[in-house]
C-alpha atoms as a PDB file:
ATOM      1  CA  MET A   1       9.583   2.413 -19.375  1.00  0.00           C
ATOM      2  CA  GLY A   2       7.056   4.349 -17.304  1.00  0.00           C
ATOM      3  CA  SER A   3       3.959   2.976 -18.915  1.00  0.00           C
ATOM      4  CA  ARG A   4       1.780   2.000 -15.947  1.00  0.00           C
ATOM      5  CA  LEU A   5      -1.721   3.419 -16.029  1.00  0.00           C
ATOM      6  CA  TRP A   6      -3.025   5.966 -13.557  1.00  0.00           C
ATOM      7  CA  THR A   7      -5.770   4.576 -11.349  1.00  0.00           C
ATOM      8  CA  GLY A   8      -5.798   6.841  -8.341  1.00  0.00           C
ATOM      9  CA  SER A   9      -6.592  10.524  -8.223  1.00  0.00           C
ATOM     10  CA  SER A  10     -10.016  12.137  -8.570  1.00  0.00           C
ATOM     11  CA  GLU A  11     -10.727  14.949 -11.022  1.00  0.00           C
ATOM     12  CA  THR A  12     -10.645  17.349  -8.059  1.00  0.00           C
ATOM     13  CA  GLY A  13      -7.181  16.090  -7.237  1.00  0.00           C
ATOM     14  CA  LEU A  14      -6.141  16.583 -10.848  1.00  0.00           C
ATOM     15  CA  ALA A  15      -7.395  20.153 -10.840  1.00  0.00           C
ATOM     16  CA  GLN A  16      -5.367  20.870  -7.697  1.00  0.00           C
ATOM     17  CA  MET A  17      -2.275  19.276  -9.245  1.00  0.00           C
ATOM     18  CA  ALA A  18      -2.757  21.412 -12.345  1.00  0.00           C
ATOM     19  CA  LYS A  19      -3.076  24.564 -10.229  1.00  0.00           C
ATOM     20  CA  ASP A  20       0.070  23.637  -8.355  1.00  0.00           C
ATOM     21  CA  SER A  21       1.867  23.231 -11.679  1.00  0.00           C
ATOM     22  CA  ASN A  22       0.725  26.713 -12.730  1.00  0.00           C
ATOM     23  CA  SER A  23       2.330  28.172  -9.614  1.00  0.00           C
ATOM     24  CA  LYS A  24       5.608  26.871 -11.002  1.00  0.00           C
ATOM     25  CA  GLY A  25       5.031  28.702 -14.285  1.00  0.00           C
ATOM     26  CA  ARG A  26       4.008  25.814 -16.540  1.00  0.00           C
ATOM     27  CA  LEU A  27       2.602  26.638 -19.939  1.00  0.00           C
ATOM     28  CA  TYR A  28       1.220  24.037 -22.360  1.00  0.00           C
ATOM     29  CA  SER A  29       1.550  24.682 -26.094  1.00  0.00           C
ATOM     30  CA  ILE A  30      -0.930  22.742 -28.219  1.00  0.00           C
ATOM     31  CA  LEU A  31       0.424  22.195 -31.760  1.00  0.00           C
ATOM     32  CA  VAL A  32      -2.308  21.564 -34.336  1.00  0.00           C
ATOM     33  CA  PRO A  33      -1.225  21.053 -37.961  1.00  0.00           C
ATOM     34  CA  THR A  34      -4.074  21.687 -40.410  1.00  0.00           C
ATOM     35  CA  TYR A  35      -4.859  21.106 -44.048  1.00  0.00           C
ATOM     36  CA  ASN A  36      -8.479  21.587 -45.148  1.00  0.00           C
ATOM     37  CA  GLU A  37      -9.864  21.511 -41.602  1.00  0.00           C
ATOM     38  CA  ARG A  38     -12.329  24.393 -41.880  1.00  0.00           C
ATOM     39  CA  LEU A  39     -15.192  22.185 -40.679  1.00  0.00           C
ATOM     40  CA  ASN A  40     -13.324  20.898 -37.610  1.00  0.00           C
ATOM     41  CA  ILE A  41     -11.034  23.598 -36.258  1.00  0.00           C
ATOM     42  CA  ALA A  42     -13.714  25.705 -34.530  1.00  0.00           C
ATOM     43  CA  LEU A  43     -15.158  22.751 -32.621  1.00  0.00           C
ATOM     44  CA  LEU A  44     -11.682  21.559 -31.693  1.00  0.00           C
ATOM     45  CA  CYS A  45     -10.778  24.973 -30.279  1.00  0.00           C
ATOM     46  CA  TYR A  46     -14.049  25.157 -28.336  1.00  0.00           C
ATOM     47  CA  LEU A  47     -13.338  21.761 -26.747  1.00  0.00           C
ATOM     48  CA  LEU A  48      -9.726  22.677 -26.008  1.00  0.00           C
ATOM     49  CA  PHE A  49     -10.670  25.912 -24.285  1.00  0.00           C
ATOM     50  CA  LYS A  50     -13.498  24.308 -22.321  1.00  0.00           C
ATOM     51  CA  THR A  51     -11.346  21.403 -21.146  1.00  0.00           C
ATOM     52  CA  LEU A  52      -8.228  23.367 -20.243  1.00  0.00           C
ATOM     53  CA  ASN A  53     -10.028  26.354 -18.732  1.00  0.00           C
ATOM     54  CA  ASP A  54     -11.898  23.938 -16.450  1.00  0.00           C
ATOM     55  CA  LEU A  55      -8.484  22.651 -15.317  1.00  0.00           C
ATOM     56  CA  ASP A  56      -7.210  26.194 -14.788  1.00  0.00           C
ATOM     57  CA  VAL A  57      -3.977  25.559 -16.686  1.00  0.00           C
ATOM     58  CA  ASP A  58      -2.109  28.067 -18.842  1.00  0.00           C
ATOM     59  CA  PHE A  59      -2.029  27.152 -22.514  1.00  0.00           C
ATOM     60  CA  GLU A  60      -1.765  28.388 -26.072  1.00  0.00           C
ATOM     61  CA  VAL A  61      -2.990  26.814 -29.310  1.00  0.00           C
ATOM     62  CA  ILE A  62      -0.634  27.015 -32.288  1.00  0.00           C
ATOM     63  CA  VAL A  63      -2.267  26.291 -35.639  1.00  0.00           C
ATOM     64  CA  VAL A  64       0.179  25.428 -38.424  1.00  0.00           C
ATOM     65  CA  ASP A  65      -1.795  25.563 -41.656  1.00  0.00           C
ATOM     66  CA  ASP A  66      -0.297  24.403 -44.958  1.00  0.00           C
ATOM     67  CA  ALA A  67      -2.070  26.852 -47.281  1.00  0.00           C
ATOM     68  CA  SER A  68      -5.439  25.082 -47.068  1.00  0.00           C
ATOM     69  CA  PRO A  69      -7.595  25.883 -50.112  1.00  0.00           C
ATOM     70  CA  ASP A  70     -10.784  25.533 -48.028  1.00  0.00           C
ATOM     71  CA  ASN A  71     -10.106  28.803 -46.118  1.00  0.00           C
ATOM     72  CA  THR A  72      -9.128  27.146 -42.846  1.00  0.00           C
ATOM     73  CA  GLN A  73      -6.988  30.193 -42.070  1.00  0.00           C
ATOM     74  CA  ASP A  74      -9.995  32.521 -42.310  1.00  0.00           C
ATOM     75  CA  VAL A  75     -11.814  30.432 -39.708  1.00  0.00           C
ATOM     76  CA  VAL A  76      -8.761  30.518 -37.424  1.00  0.00           C
ATOM     77  CA  ARG A  77      -8.602  34.311 -37.713  1.00  0.00           C
ATOM     78  CA  GLN A  78     -12.251  34.490 -36.637  1.00  0.00           C
ATOM     79  CA  LEU A  79     -11.407  32.279 -33.666  1.00  0.00           C
ATOM     80  CA  GLN A  80      -8.577  34.640 -32.757  1.00  0.00           C
ATOM     81  CA  ARG A  81     -11.121  37.460 -32.471  1.00  0.00           C
ATOM     82  CA  VAL A  82     -13.130  35.312 -30.050  1.00  0.00           C
ATOM     83  CA  TYR A  83     -10.364  33.824 -27.891  1.00  0.00           C
ATOM     84  CA  GLY A  84      -7.516  36.282 -28.463  1.00  0.00           C
ATOM     85  CA  GLU A  85      -4.438  36.254 -30.654  1.00  0.00           C
ATOM     86  CA  ASP A  86      -2.324  35.480 -27.594  1.00  0.00           C
ATOM     87  CA  LYS A  87      -4.264  32.231 -27.050  1.00  0.00           C
ATOM     88  CA  ILE A  88      -4.630  31.095 -30.664  1.00  0.00           C
ATOM     89  CA  LEU A  89      -1.529  31.613 -32.781  1.00  0.00           C
ATOM     90  CA  LEU A  90      -1.839  31.158 -36.541  1.00  0.00           C
ATOM     91  CA  ARG A  91       1.504  30.247 -38.052  1.00  0.00           C
ATOM     92  CA  PRO A  92       0.794  29.364 -41.711  1.00  0.00           C
ATOM     93  CA  ARG A  93       3.136  27.979 -44.350  1.00  0.00           C
ATOM     94  CA  VAL A  94       3.166  28.610 -48.069  1.00  0.00           C
ATOM     95  CA  ALA A  95       2.340  25.055 -49.206  1.00  0.00           C
ATOM     96  CA  LYS A  96       1.597  21.527 -48.080  1.00  0.00           C
ATOM     97  CA  LEU A  97       5.031  20.617 -46.745  1.00  0.00           C
ATOM     98  CA  GLY A  98       4.421  17.550 -44.600  1.00  0.00           C
ATOM     99  CA  LEU A  99       3.437  16.658 -41.049  1.00  0.00           C
ATOM    100  CA  GLY A 100       6.929  16.293 -39.619  1.00  0.00           C
ATOM    101  CA  THR A 101       8.080  19.723 -40.754  1.00  0.00           C
ATOM    102  CA  ALA A 102       4.779  21.188 -39.487  1.00  0.00           C
ATOM    103  CA  TYR A 103       5.764  20.158 -35.960  1.00  0.00           C
ATOM    104  CA  VAL A 104       9.215  21.666 -36.449  1.00  0.00           C
ATOM    105  CA  HIS A 105       7.643  24.916 -37.650  1.00  0.00           C
ATOM    106  CA  GLY A 106       5.144  25.050 -34.795  1.00  0.00           C
ATOM    107  CA  LEU A 107       7.791  24.296 -32.197  1.00  0.00           C
ATOM    108  CA  LYS A 108       9.725  27.396 -33.247  1.00  0.00           C
ATOM    109  CA  HIS A 109       6.747  29.514 -32.178  1.00  0.00           C
ATOM    110  CA  ALA A 110       5.875  27.621 -28.964  1.00  0.00           C
ATOM    111  CA  SER A 111       6.376  29.370 -25.628  1.00  0.00           C
ATOM    112  CA  GLY A 112       5.277  26.434 -23.484  1.00  0.00           C
ATOM    113  CA  ASP A 113       7.341  24.225 -21.201  1.00  0.00           C
ATOM    114  CA  TYR A 114       5.296  21.270 -22.435  1.00  0.00           C
ATOM    115  CA  ILE A 115       4.144  20.594 -25.985  1.00  0.00           C
ATOM    116  CA  VAL A 116       1.017  18.671 -26.953  1.00  0.00           C
ATOM    117  CA  ILE A 117       0.751  17.439 -30.522  1.00  0.00           C
ATOM    118  CA  MET A 118      -2.646  16.359 -31.803  1.00  0.00           C
ATOM    119  CA  ASP A 119      -4.695  16.080 -34.978  1.00  0.00           C
ATOM    120  CA  ALA A 120      -7.196  18.750 -35.965  1.00  0.00           C
ATOM    121  CA  ASP A 121      -9.925  16.399 -37.195  1.00  0.00           C
ATOM    122  CA  LEU A 122     -11.254  15.498 -33.699  1.00  0.00           C
ATOM    123  CA  SER A 123      -9.848  11.971 -33.885  1.00  0.00           C
ATOM    124  CA  HIS A 124      -7.826  13.085 -30.834  1.00  0.00           C
ATOM    125  CA  HIS A 125     -10.441  14.334 -28.386  1.00  0.00           C
ATOM    126  CA  PRO A 126      -9.365  17.111 -25.987  1.00  0.00           C
ATOM    127  CA  LYS A 127     -11.189  15.320 -23.154  1.00  0.00           C
ATOM    128  CA  TYR A 128      -8.096  13.127 -22.729  1.00  0.00           C
ATOM    129  CA  LEU A 129      -5.771  16.064 -22.034  1.00  0.00           C
ATOM    130  CA  PRO A 130      -6.472  15.997 -18.267  1.00  0.00           C
ATOM    131  CA  SER A 131      -5.261  12.385 -18.243  1.00  0.00           C
ATOM    132  CA  PHE A 132      -2.106  13.357 -20.146  1.00  0.00           C
ATOM    133  CA  ILE A 133      -1.349  16.180 -17.708  1.00  0.00           C
ATOM    134  CA  ARG A 134      -2.178  14.024 -14.715  1.00  0.00           C
ATOM    135  CA  LYS A 135       0.039  11.191 -15.926  1.00  0.00           C
ATOM    136  CA  GLN A 136       2.974  13.516 -16.509  1.00  0.00           C
ATOM    137  CA  LEU A 137       2.597  15.145 -13.100  1.00  0.00           C
ATOM    138  CA  GLU A 138       2.391  11.761 -11.388  1.00  0.00           C
ATOM    139  CA  THR A 139       5.253  10.027 -13.229  1.00  0.00           C
ATOM    140  CA  ASP A 140       7.421  13.019 -14.206  1.00  0.00           C
ATOM    141  CA  ALA A 141       7.685  11.376 -17.643  1.00  0.00           C
ATOM    142  CA  ASP A 142       9.492  13.030 -20.524  1.00  0.00           C
ATOM    143  CA  ILE A 143       6.756  11.917 -22.938  1.00  0.00           C
ATOM    144  CA  VAL A 144       3.128  10.902 -22.438  1.00  0.00           C
ATOM    145  CA  THR A 145       1.609   9.145 -25.430  1.00  0.00           C
ATOM    146  CA  GLY A 146      -1.958   8.099 -26.134  1.00  0.00           C
ATOM    147  CA  THR A 147      -2.553   4.428 -26.861  1.00  0.00           C
ATOM    148  CA  ARG A 148      -5.398   2.539 -28.494  1.00  0.00           C
ATOM    149  CA  TYR A 149      -4.046  -0.817 -27.361  1.00  0.00           C
ATOM    150  CA  LEU A 150      -4.233  -0.783 -23.556  1.00  0.00           C
ATOM    151  CA  GLU A 151      -7.336  -1.418 -21.454  1.00  0.00           C
ATOM    152  CA  GLY A 152      -9.665   1.552 -21.807  1.00  0.00           C
ATOM    153  CA  GLY A 153      -8.393   2.453 -25.278  1.00  0.00           C
ATOM    154  CA  GLY A 154      -9.802   1.626 -28.701  1.00  0.00           C
ATOM    155  CA  VAL A 155     -10.837   2.756 -32.147  1.00  0.00           C
ATOM    156  CA  HIS A 156     -14.256   3.940 -33.315  1.00  0.00           C
ATOM    157  CA  GLY A 157     -15.354   4.277 -36.937  1.00  0.00           C
ATOM    158  CA  TRP A 158     -12.836   1.956 -38.601  1.00  0.00           C
ATOM    159  CA  ASP A 159     -13.756  -1.128 -40.567  1.00  0.00           C
ATOM    160  CA  LEU A 160     -12.119  -4.474 -39.822  1.00  0.00           C
ATOM    161  CA  ARG A 161      -9.582  -4.159 -42.644  1.00  0.00           C
ATOM    162  CA  ARG A 162      -8.303  -0.839 -41.385  1.00  0.00           C
ATOM    163  CA  LYS A 163      -8.115  -2.089 -37.792  1.00  0.00           C
ATOM    164  CA  LEU A 164      -6.163  -5.158 -38.852  1.00  0.00           C
ATOM    165  CA  THR A 165      -3.822  -3.088 -41.003  1.00  0.00           C
ATOM    166  CA  SER A 166      -3.042  -0.664 -38.175  1.00  0.00           C
ATOM    167  CA  ARG A 167      -2.644  -3.440 -35.650  1.00  0.00           C
ATOM    168  CA  GLY A 168      -0.415  -5.370 -38.036  1.00  0.00           C
ATOM    169  CA  ALA A 169       1.858  -2.369 -38.542  1.00  0.00           C
ATOM    170  CA  ASN A 170       2.192  -2.026 -34.771  1.00  0.00           C
ATOM    171  CA  VAL A 171       2.959  -5.725 -34.288  1.00  0.00           C
ATOM    172  CA  LEU A 172       5.627  -5.609 -37.000  1.00  0.00           C
ATOM    173  CA  ALA A 173       7.218  -2.520 -35.485  1.00  0.00           C
ATOM    174  CA  HIS A 174       7.208  -4.068 -32.017  1.00  0.00           C
ATOM    175  CA  THR A 175       8.776  -7.253 -33.319  1.00  0.00           C
ATOM    176  CA  LEU A 176      11.603  -5.488 -35.136  1.00  0.00           C
ATOM    177  CA  LEU A 177      12.228  -2.302 -33.170  1.00  0.00           C
ATOM    178  CA  TRP A 178      11.254  -2.981 -29.508  1.00  0.00           C
ATOM    179  CA  PRO A 179       9.924   0.535 -28.910  1.00  0.00           C
ATOM    180  CA  HIS A 180       8.582  -0.187 -25.357  1.00  0.00           C
ATOM    181  CA  VAL A 181       5.221   1.457 -26.063  1.00  0.00           C
ATOM    182  CA  SER A 182       1.995  -0.297 -26.990  1.00  0.00           C
ATOM    183  CA  ASP A 183       0.963   2.089 -29.799  1.00  0.00           C
ATOM    184  CA  LEU A 184       3.915   3.084 -31.945  1.00  0.00           C
ATOM    185  CA  THR A 185       1.814   4.599 -34.749  1.00  0.00           C
ATOM    186  CA  GLY A 186      -0.227   6.863 -32.453  1.00  0.00           C
ATOM    187  CA  SER A 187       0.263  10.611 -32.733  1.00  0.00           C
ATOM    188  CA  TYR A 188      -1.476  12.136 -29.684  1.00  0.00           C
ATOM    189  CA  ARG A 189       1.357  13.036 -27.299  1.00  0.00           C
ATOM    190  CA  LEU A 190       2.659  15.387 -24.657  1.00  0.00           C
ATOM    191  CA  TYR A 191       6.390  16.184 -24.589  1.00  0.00           C
ATOM    192  CA  ARG A 192       8.734  18.165 -22.435  1.00  0.00           C
ATOM    193  CA  LYS A 193       9.793  20.928 -24.784  1.00  0.00           C
ATOM    194  CA  PRO A 194      13.574  20.268 -24.610  1.00  0.00           C
ATOM    195  CA  VAL A 195      12.934  16.577 -25.315  1.00  0.00           C
ATOM    196  CA  LEU A 196      10.824  17.327 -28.384  1.00  0.00           C
ATOM    197  CA  GLU A 197      13.394  19.848 -29.623  1.00  0.00           C
ATOM    198  CA  GLU A 198      16.149  17.243 -29.401  1.00  0.00           C
ATOM    199  CA  LEU A 199      14.061  14.566 -31.097  1.00  0.00           C
ATOM    200  CA  VAL A 200      12.955  16.690 -34.061  1.00  0.00           C
ATOM    201  CA  LYS A 201      16.580  17.638 -34.717  1.00  0.00           C
ATOM    202  CA  ALA A 202      17.531  13.971 -34.866  1.00  0.00           C
ATOM    203  CA  CYS A 203      14.618  12.753 -36.994  1.00  0.00           C
ATOM    204  CA  VAL A 204      14.921  12.508 -40.758  1.00  0.00           C
ATOM    205  CA  SER A 205      11.355  11.435 -41.666  1.00  0.00           C
ATOM    206  CA  LYS A 206       8.959  14.058 -43.011  1.00  0.00           C
ATOM    207  CA  GLY A 207       5.543  12.392 -43.258  1.00  0.00           C
ATOM    208  CA  TYR A 208       3.396  10.353 -40.888  1.00  0.00           C
ATOM    209  CA  VAL A 209       6.302   8.044 -40.031  1.00  0.00           C
ATOM    210  CA  PHE A 210       7.835  11.049 -38.267  1.00  0.00           C
ATOM    211  CA  GLN A 211       5.785  10.025 -35.204  1.00  0.00           C
ATOM    212  CA  MET A 212       7.171   6.483 -35.276  1.00  0.00           C
ATOM    213  CA  GLU A 213      10.726   7.678 -35.612  1.00  0.00           C
ATOM    214  CA  MET A 214      10.393  10.100 -32.708  1.00  0.00           C
ATOM    215  CA  ILE A 215       9.161   7.475 -30.263  1.00  0.00           C
ATOM    216  CA  VAL A 216      11.813   4.942 -31.334  1.00  0.00           C
ATOM    217  CA  ARG A 217      14.558   7.543 -30.974  1.00  0.00           C
ATOM    218  CA  ALA A 218      13.158   8.583 -27.587  1.00  0.00           C
ATOM    219  CA  THR A 219      13.376   4.968 -26.419  1.00  0.00           C
ATOM    220  CA  ARG A 220      16.951   4.633 -27.670  1.00  0.00           C
ATOM    221  CA  LYS A 221      17.939   7.857 -25.899  1.00  0.00           C
ATOM    222  CA  GLY A 222      16.504   6.609 -22.610  1.00  0.00           C
ATOM    223  CA  TYR A 223      13.680   9.110 -22.179  1.00  0.00           C
ATOM    224  CA  THR A 224      10.870   8.024 -19.868  1.00  0.00           C
ATOM    225  CA  ILE A 225       7.589   7.348 -21.661  1.00  0.00           C
ATOM    226  CA  ALA A 226       4.185   6.984 -20.019  1.00  0.00           C
ATOM    227  CA  GLU A 227       0.964   5.901 -21.733  1.00  0.00           C
ATOM    228  CA  VAL A 228      -2.666   6.965 -21.455  1.00  0.00           C
ATOM    229  CA  PRO A 229      -5.501   4.921 -23.008  1.00  0.00           C
ATOM    230  CA  ILE A 230      -7.527   6.856 -25.595  1.00  0.00           C
ATOM    231  CA  THR A 231     -10.254   6.065 -28.084  1.00  0.00           C
ATOM    232  CA  PHE A 232      -9.344   7.149 -31.600  1.00  0.00           C
ATOM    233  CA  VAL A 233     -12.452   8.340 -33.467  1.00  0.00           C
ATOM    234  CA  ASP A 234     -12.421   8.521 -37.250  1.00  0.00           C
ATOM    235  CA  ARG A 235     -13.185  11.956 -38.634  1.00  0.00           C
ATOM    236  CA  VAL A 236     -16.795  12.976 -39.264  1.00  0.00           C
ATOM    237  CA  TYR A 237     -16.160  16.079 -41.395  1.00  0.00           C
ATOM    238  CA  GLY A 238     -13.706  16.391 -44.254  1.00  0.00           C
ATOM    239  CA  THR A 239     -11.629  13.857 -46.148  1.00  0.00           C
ATOM    240  CA  SER A 240      -9.407  11.416 -44.301  1.00  0.00           C
ATOM    241  CA  LYS A 241      -5.675  11.771 -44.926  1.00  0.00           C
ATOM    242  CA  LEU A 242      -5.045   8.200 -43.793  1.00  0.00           C
ATOM    243  CA  GLY A 243      -4.808   5.315 -46.194  1.00  0.00           C
ATOM    244  CA  ALA A 244      -2.823   2.468 -47.643  1.00  0.00           C
ATOM    245  CA  GLN A 245       0.087   4.736 -48.558  1.00  0.00           C
ATOM    246  CA  ARG A 246       0.547   5.776 -44.931  1.00  0.00           C
ATOM    247  CA  THR A 247       0.646   2.140 -43.822  1.00  0.00           C
ATOM    248  CA  CYS A 248       3.131   1.275 -46.582  1.00  0.00           C
ATOM    249  CA  ASP A 249       5.320   4.177 -45.498  1.00  0.00           C
ATOM    250  CA  GLN A 250       5.210   2.946 -41.905  1.00  0.00           C
ATOM    251  CA  VAL A 251       6.115  -0.621 -42.879  1.00  0.00           C
ATOM    252  CA  ARG A 252       8.909   0.559 -45.176  1.00  0.00           C
ATOM    253  CA  TRP A 253      10.341   2.798 -42.449  1.00  0.00           C
ATOM    254  CA  THR A 254      10.178  -0.045 -39.927  1.00  0.00           C
ATOM    255  CA  GLY A 255      12.065  -2.314 -42.316  1.00  0.00           C
ATOM    256  CA  ASN A 256      14.689   0.308 -43.088  1.00  0.00           C
ATOM    257  CA  SER A 257      15.199   1.052 -39.393  1.00  0.00           C
ATOM    258  CA  PHE A 258      15.574  -2.618 -38.547  1.00  0.00           C
ATOM    259  CA  ILE A 259      18.101  -3.170 -41.329  1.00  0.00           C
ATOM    260  CA  ALA A 260      20.006  -0.052 -40.276  1.00  0.00           C
ATOM    261  CA  SER A 261      20.257  -1.374 -36.716  1.00  0.00           C
ATOM    262  CA  LEU A 262      21.553  -4.693 -38.072  1.00  0.00           C
ATOM    263  CA  GLU A 263      24.160  -2.905 -40.175  1.00  0.00           C
ATOM    264  CA  LYS A 264      25.355  -0.996 -37.115  1.00  0.00           C
ATOM    265  CA  SER A 265      25.534  -4.170 -35.040  1.00  0.00           C
ATOM    266  CA  PHE A 266      27.403  -6.066 -37.766  1.00  0.00           C
ATOM    267  CA  PHE A 267      29.862  -3.217 -38.194  1.00  0.00           C
ATOM    268  CA  GLU A 268      30.516  -2.875 -34.454  1.00  0.00           C
ATOM    269  CA  HIS A 269      31.256  -6.592 -34.194  1.00  0.00           C
ATOM    270  CA  GLY A 270      33.446  -6.715 -37.309  1.00  0.00           C
ATOM    271  CA  LEU A 271      31.110  -9.084 -39.149  1.00  0.00           C
ATOM    272  CA  HIS A 272      30.452  -9.322 -42.872  1.00  0.00           C
ATOM    273  CA  TRP A 273      27.363  -7.189 -43.421  1.00  0.00           C
ATOM    274  CA  TRP A 274      27.276  -6.692 -47.208  1.00  0.00           C
ATOM    275  CA  PRO A 275      24.123  -8.890 -47.600  1.00  0.00           C
ATOM    276  CA  VAL A 276      22.314  -6.670 -45.109  1.00  0.00           C
ATOM    277  CA  LEU A 277      23.461  -3.563 -46.947  1.00  0.00           C
ATOM    278  CA  SER A 278      22.112  -5.031 -50.170  1.00  0.00           C
ATOM    279  CA  LEU A 279      18.760  -5.713 -48.519  1.00  0.00           C
ATOM    280  CA  SER A 280      18.676  -2.173 -47.134  1.00  0.00           C
ATOM    281  CA  SER A 281      19.215  -0.700 -50.595  1.00  0.00           C
ATOM    282  CA  HIS A 282      16.261  -2.706 -51.909  1.00  0.00           C
ATOM    283  CA  LEU A 283      14.079  -1.450 -49.082  1.00  0.00           C
ATOM    284  CA  GLU A 284      15.049   2.147 -49.750  1.00  0.00           C
ATOM    285  CA  ARG A 285      14.000   1.750 -53.390  1.00  0.00           C
ATOM    286  CA  GLY A 286      10.692   0.270 -52.236  1.00  0.00           C
ATOM    287  CA  ASN A 287      11.227  -3.025 -54.057  1.00  0.00           C
ATOM    288  CA  PHE A 288       9.534  -5.116 -51.393  1.00  0.00           C
ATOM    289  CA  PHE A 289       6.493  -2.949 -50.541  1.00  0.00           C
END
């Protein structure tokens, strides 16, 4: 896959490339799902506007809020008065319905040719967006994904246990699923809009494993994927939504996906696959995790 790192162009060159892309009518839609992000959303929007205005690219920010009880939506409405309702779109939902469906909901309202998905808690810093845009322009990739596990990437603010857990989940997924990306559990990405639309229709996961499923399906469908090193920074404000349950969900999904691929292979070759089916049923019931 197209995962080599960019080492060439200057920031001036990037700005010119971005301007050239605007002449072709490119628009970037930034999808930001939120739940109780009142303390982070204003700073995130400031950094997004500063970064992307400096690049002179056309963009919109789409905030999908799941009925946050901390009045996140009120803060977003104030931001709309500052930046304009055409630049910040608030598309709320009636309840906390899950990350995967938040992307589906936001995509319905996106006008851009390219879609960026990122977290609202500043763990995904907007300063990396120029690298995402530059990488896509250089490689013409269908997907550009941020990675913590290539040179120049990393994690800040995690203890050793959490680092080992995340790394272990990635190693397991790589061993079983061969996704051809270094950071399968990352969620800071840029997609061509038609590619993302096709992937979300195919995916069945609803939570954080939605990101894993999308990148695995993209690999299987033959889409080109490029990678950009990023540093993931743990949130400063608010309560983290990460935890042991997310890792368990990721491991369970990896196991189910691997067993499903075995079942398909056994069936296609006319082999006896009832033991694999039995194992899959145990995984689905969560007996092993």
